[in-house]
Structures are given as C-alpha cells and as structure tokens.
Amino acid sequence: MVQPHTTGEIIIVGGNHRLAVARAKGAAAVPILFEPQHLPFVQARLPSLVVLATHSA
C-alpha cells in the first residue's frame, strides 16, 4: 500500500521488500495499491503512473 506523507514523499507501507526485488530483477513496472482519494497526490509524484483499475465504495 502506498500512502502520502506529510513531507510530500510517498511511503511504501509493508512493501519495501517488493520494491527491492523488482529493482534487483530490473522490472520496468511495479504494481501499487493506494486509496482512491490519494490519486492526485500519487499522480503528481509518479508521472509514469498507469491506473489499471479503480474502486468506488
């Protein structure tokens, strides 16, 4: 799960190991999950973000 932080950074909650493995394997893309209300924040910091699905309550 990706969450915004008050410093303007993106925090990977419980997924740092996934990012490390993806980097080690040379992955071009890493799937992430985040709350829908954080979409503008995440898009602003990850310009290459591709949204594959959304969920509305």
C-alpha atoms as a PDB file:
ATOM      1  CA  MET A   1       0.000   0.000   0.000  1.00  0.00           C
ATOM      2  CA  VAL A   2       1.314   3.422  -0.912  1.00  0.00           C
ATOM      3  CA  GLN A   3       0.458   6.354   1.326  1.00  0.00           C
ATOM      4  CA  PRO A   4       1.247  10.052   1.090  1.00  0.00           C
ATOM      5  CA  HIS A   5       3.444  11.504   3.809  1.00  0.00           C
ATOM      6  CA  THR A   6       3.312  14.993   5.258  1.00  0.00           C
ATOM      7  CA  THR A   7       6.782  15.691   3.828  1.00  0.00           C
ATOM      8  CA  GLY A   8       5.398  15.300   0.297  1.00  0.00           C
ATOM      9  CA  GLU A   9       7.013  11.896  -0.123  1.00  0.00           C
ATOM     10  CA  ILE A  10       5.369   8.584  -0.936  1.00  0.00           C
ATOM     11  CA  ILE A  11       5.750   5.889   1.705  1.00  0.00           C
ATOM     12  CA  ILE A  12       5.598   2.199   0.774  1.00  0.00           C
ATOM     13  CA  VAL A  13       3.775   0.518   3.649  1.00  0.00           C
ATOM     14  CA  GLY A  14       4.900  -3.092   4.097  1.00  0.00           C
ATOM     15  CA  GLY A  15       6.256  -3.314   0.575  1.00  0.00           C
ATOM     16  CA  ASN A  16       9.880  -2.215   0.622  1.00  0.00           C
ATOM     17  CA  HIS A  17      10.947  -5.814   0.020  1.00  0.00           C
ATOM     18  CA  ARG A  18       8.784  -5.931  -3.159  1.00  0.00           C
ATOM     19  CA  LEU A  19      10.454  -2.792  -4.461  1.00  0.00           C
ATOM     20  CA  ALA A  20      13.909  -4.189  -3.696  1.00  0.00           C
ATOM     21  CA  VAL A  21      13.132  -7.430  -5.551  1.00  0.00           C
ATOM     22  CA  ALA A  22      11.661  -5.531  -8.510  1.00  0.00           C
ATOM     23  CA  ARG A  23      14.774  -3.356  -8.739  1.00  0.00           C
ATOM     24  CA  ALA A  24      17.079  -6.382  -8.463  1.00  0.00           C
ATOM     25  CA  LYS A  25      15.200  -8.089 -11.301  1.00  0.00           C
ATOM     26  CA  GLY A  26      15.262  -4.944 -13.425  1.00  0.00           C
ATOM     27  CA  ALA A  27      11.461  -4.677 -13.518  1.00  0.00           C
ATOM     28  CA  ALA A  28      10.130  -1.839 -15.653  1.00  0.00           C
ATOM     29  CA  ALA A  29       6.890  -1.585 -13.649  1.00  0.00           C
ATOM     30  CA  VAL A  30       5.813  -2.327 -10.091  1.00  0.00           C
ATOM     31  CA  PRO A  31       2.107  -2.625  -9.214  1.00  0.00           C
ATOM     32  CA  ILE A  32       0.994  -0.495  -6.261  1.00  0.00           C
ATOM     33  CA  LEU A  33      -2.225  -0.024  -4.305  1.00  0.00           C
ATOM     34  CA  PHE A  34      -3.443   3.235  -2.829  1.00  0.00           C
ATOM     35  CA  GLU A  35      -6.658   4.753  -1.557  1.00  0.00           C
ATOM     36  CA  PRO A  36      -8.659   6.428  -4.362  1.00  0.00           C
ATOM     37  CA  GLN A  37      -8.603   9.793  -2.595  1.00  0.00           C
ATOM     38  CA  HIS A  38      -4.789   9.811  -2.885  1.00  0.00           C
ATOM     39  CA  LEU A  39      -4.799   9.514  -6.697  1.00  0.00           C
ATOM     40  CA  PRO A  40      -3.924  13.197  -7.392  1.00  0.00           C
ATOM     41  CA  PHE A  41      -1.068  13.057  -4.860  1.00  0.00           C
ATOM     42  CA  VAL A  42       0.343   9.826  -6.312  1.00  0.00           C
ATOM     43  CA  GLN A  43      -0.045  11.024  -9.918  1.00  0.00           C
ATOM     44  CA  ALA A  44       1.820  14.227  -9.103  1.00  0.00           C
ATOM     45  CA  ARG A  45       4.794  12.297  -7.733  1.00  0.00           C
ATOM     46  CA  LEU A  46       4.759   9.361 -10.145  1.00  0.00           C
ATOM     47  CA  PRO A  47       4.211  10.874 -13.596  1.00  0.00           C
ATOM     48  CA  SER A  48       4.599   7.474 -15.271  1.00  0.00           C
ATOM     49  CA  LEU A  49       1.707   6.056 -13.203  1.00  0.00           C
ATOM     50  CA  VAL A  50      -0.720   3.926 -15.209  1.00  0.00           C
ATOM     51  CA  VAL A  51      -4.049   3.359 -13.454  1.00  0.00           C
ATOM     52  CA  LEU A  52      -5.344  -0.106 -14.317  1.00  0.00           C
ATOM     53  CA  ALA A  53      -8.422  -0.164 -12.116  1.00  0.00           C
ATOM     54  CA  THR A  54     -10.322   1.927  -9.623  1.00  0.00           C
ATOM     55  CA  HIS A  55     -12.808   1.021  -6.953  1.00  0.00           C
ATOM     56  CA  SER A  56     -15.626   3.149  -5.688  1.00  0.00           C
ATOM     57  CA  ALA A  57     -17.461   2.338  -2.466  1.00  0.00           C
END
